[in-house]
Structures are given as structure tokens and as C-alpha cells.
C-alpha atoms as a PDB file:
ATOM      1  CA  MET A   1       0.000   0.000   0.000  1.00  0.00           C
ATOM      2  CA  LEU A   2       2.874   2.327   0.736  1.00  0.00           C
ATOM      3  CA  GLY A   3       4.202   1.601  -2.742  1.00  0.00           C
ATOM      4  CA  TRP A   4       0.925   2.786  -4.293  1.00  0.00           C
ATOM      5  CA  ALA A   5       1.030   5.965  -2.197  1.00  0.00           C
ATOM      6  CA  ILE A   6       4.552   6.704  -3.405  1.00  0.00           C
ATOM      7  CA  THR A   7       3.520   5.969  -6.997  1.00  0.00           C
ATOM      8  CA  PHE A   8       0.641   8.441  -6.862  1.00  0.00           C
ATOM      9  CA  LEU A   9       2.910  11.002  -5.205  1.00  0.00           C
ATOM     10  CA  VAL A  10       5.403  10.695  -8.075  1.00  0.00           C
ATOM     11  CA  ILE A  11       2.569  11.010 -10.613  1.00  0.00           C
ATOM     12  CA  ALA A  12       1.373  14.133  -8.809  1.00  0.00           C
ATOM     13  CA  LEU A  13       4.844  15.664  -8.852  1.00  0.00           C
ATOM     14  CA  ILE A  14       5.357  14.948 -12.545  1.00  0.00           C
ATOM     15  CA  ALA A  15       1.897  16.313 -13.410  1.00  0.00           C
ATOM     16  CA  ALA A  16       2.576  19.455 -11.376  1.00  0.00           C
ATOM     17  CA  VAL A  17       5.878  20.060 -13.167  1.00  0.00           C
ATOM     18  CA  LEU A  18       4.169  19.634 -16.546  1.00  0.00           C
ATOM     19  CA  GLY A  19       1.358  22.013 -15.581  1.00  0.00           C
ATOM     20  CA  PHE A  20      -1.543  19.582 -15.211  1.00  0.00           C
ATOM     21  CA  GLY A  21      -3.018  21.013 -12.019  1.00  0.00           C
ATOM     22  CA  GLY A  22      -6.159  18.876 -11.869  1.00  0.00           C
ATOM     23  CA  ILE A  23      -4.323  15.605 -12.307  1.00  0.00           C
ATOM     24  CA  ALA A  24      -1.663  16.675  -9.819  1.00  0.00           C
ATOM     25  CA  GLY A  25      -4.258  17.562  -7.199  1.00  0.00           C
ATOM     26  CA  ALA A  26      -6.184  14.333  -7.670  1.00  0.00           C
ATOM     27  CA  SER A  27      -3.041  12.200  -7.518  1.00  0.00           C
ATOM     28  CA  ALA A  28      -1.806  14.015  -4.424  1.00  0.00           C
ATOM     29  CA  GLY A  29      -5.174  13.458  -2.752  1.00  0.00           C
ATOM     30  CA  ILE A  30      -5.127   9.746  -3.570  1.00  0.00           C
ATOM     31  CA  ALA A  31      -1.549   9.461  -2.316  1.00  0.00           C
ATOM     32  CA  GLN A  32      -2.507  11.162   0.940  1.00  0.00           C
ATOM     33  CA  ILE A  33      -5.501   8.862   1.499  1.00  0.00           C
ATOM     34  CA  LEU A  34      -3.447   5.739   0.766  1.00  0.00           C
ATOM     35  CA  PHE A  35      -0.696   6.888   3.105  1.00  0.00           C
ATOM     36  CA  PHE A  36      -3.104   7.402   6.000  1.00  0.00           C
ATOM     37  CA  VAL A  37      -4.780   4.033   5.340  1.00  0.00           C
ATOM     38  CA  PHE A  38      -1.303   2.469   5.402  1.00  0.00           C
ATOM     39  CA  LEU A  39      -0.540   4.147   8.738  1.00  0.00           C
ATOM     40  CA  VAL A  40      -3.799   2.958  10.297  1.00  0.00           C
ATOM     41  CA  LEU A  41      -3.244  -0.623   9.134  1.00  0.00           C
ATOM     42  CA  PHE A  42       0.351  -0.508  10.354  1.00  0.00           C
ATOM     43  CA  VAL A  43      -0.697   0.637  13.833  1.00  0.00           C
ATOM     44  CA  ILE A  44      -3.423  -2.035  13.970  1.00  0.00           C
ATOM     45  CA  SER A  45      -0.894  -4.717  13.025  1.00  0.00           C
ATOM     46  CA  LEU A  46       1.521  -3.503  15.723  1.00  0.00           C
ATOM     47  CA  ILE A  47      -1.226  -3.638  18.340  1.00  0.00           C
ATOM     48  CA  ALA A  48      -2.317  -7.106  17.195  1.00  0.00           C
ATOM     49  CA  ARG A  49       1.261  -8.367  17.271  1.00  0.00           C
ATOM     50  CA  GLY A  50       1.790  -6.923  20.753  1.00  0.00           C
ATOM     51  CA  ALA A  51      -1.412  -8.501  22.043  1.00  0.00           C
ATOM     52  CA  ARG A  52      -0.484 -11.866  20.521  1.00  0.00           C
ATOM     53  CA  SER A  53       3.020 -11.885  22.020  1.00  0.00           C
ATOM     54  CA  ALA A  54       1.732 -10.844  25.477  1.00  0.00           C
ATOM     55  CA  LYS A  55      -0.187 -14.112  25.873  1.00  0.00           C
END
């Protein structure tokens, strides 16, 4: 998931350099959403792993 976020971030940067504002904004928004979903899933997996090892 982090790979997809980085991919959309790169697309947004390239589109911004080339002057495609709409595509850059949409790609940056998608990258931001994917990054936060990745963070939430990462924290959930850390909590689950900690709970499993505590038993």
C-alpha cells in the first residue's frame, strides 16, 4: 500500500511540473488517502502483534 502511495505522489509531482493542475491535485489526494490508510493498518498490526506476544 505504501508503494501505491509513493507511486501516486510521483505522478502528482510529474503532473505538477508539466502544468496539469487537476491531475496533480487528484493524484496528491489519492496518495494522501493511501498513506493514512497504510498508517492505520500498520498501527493495527503492531497492536495485534503486541497482544499476541503478550499471551
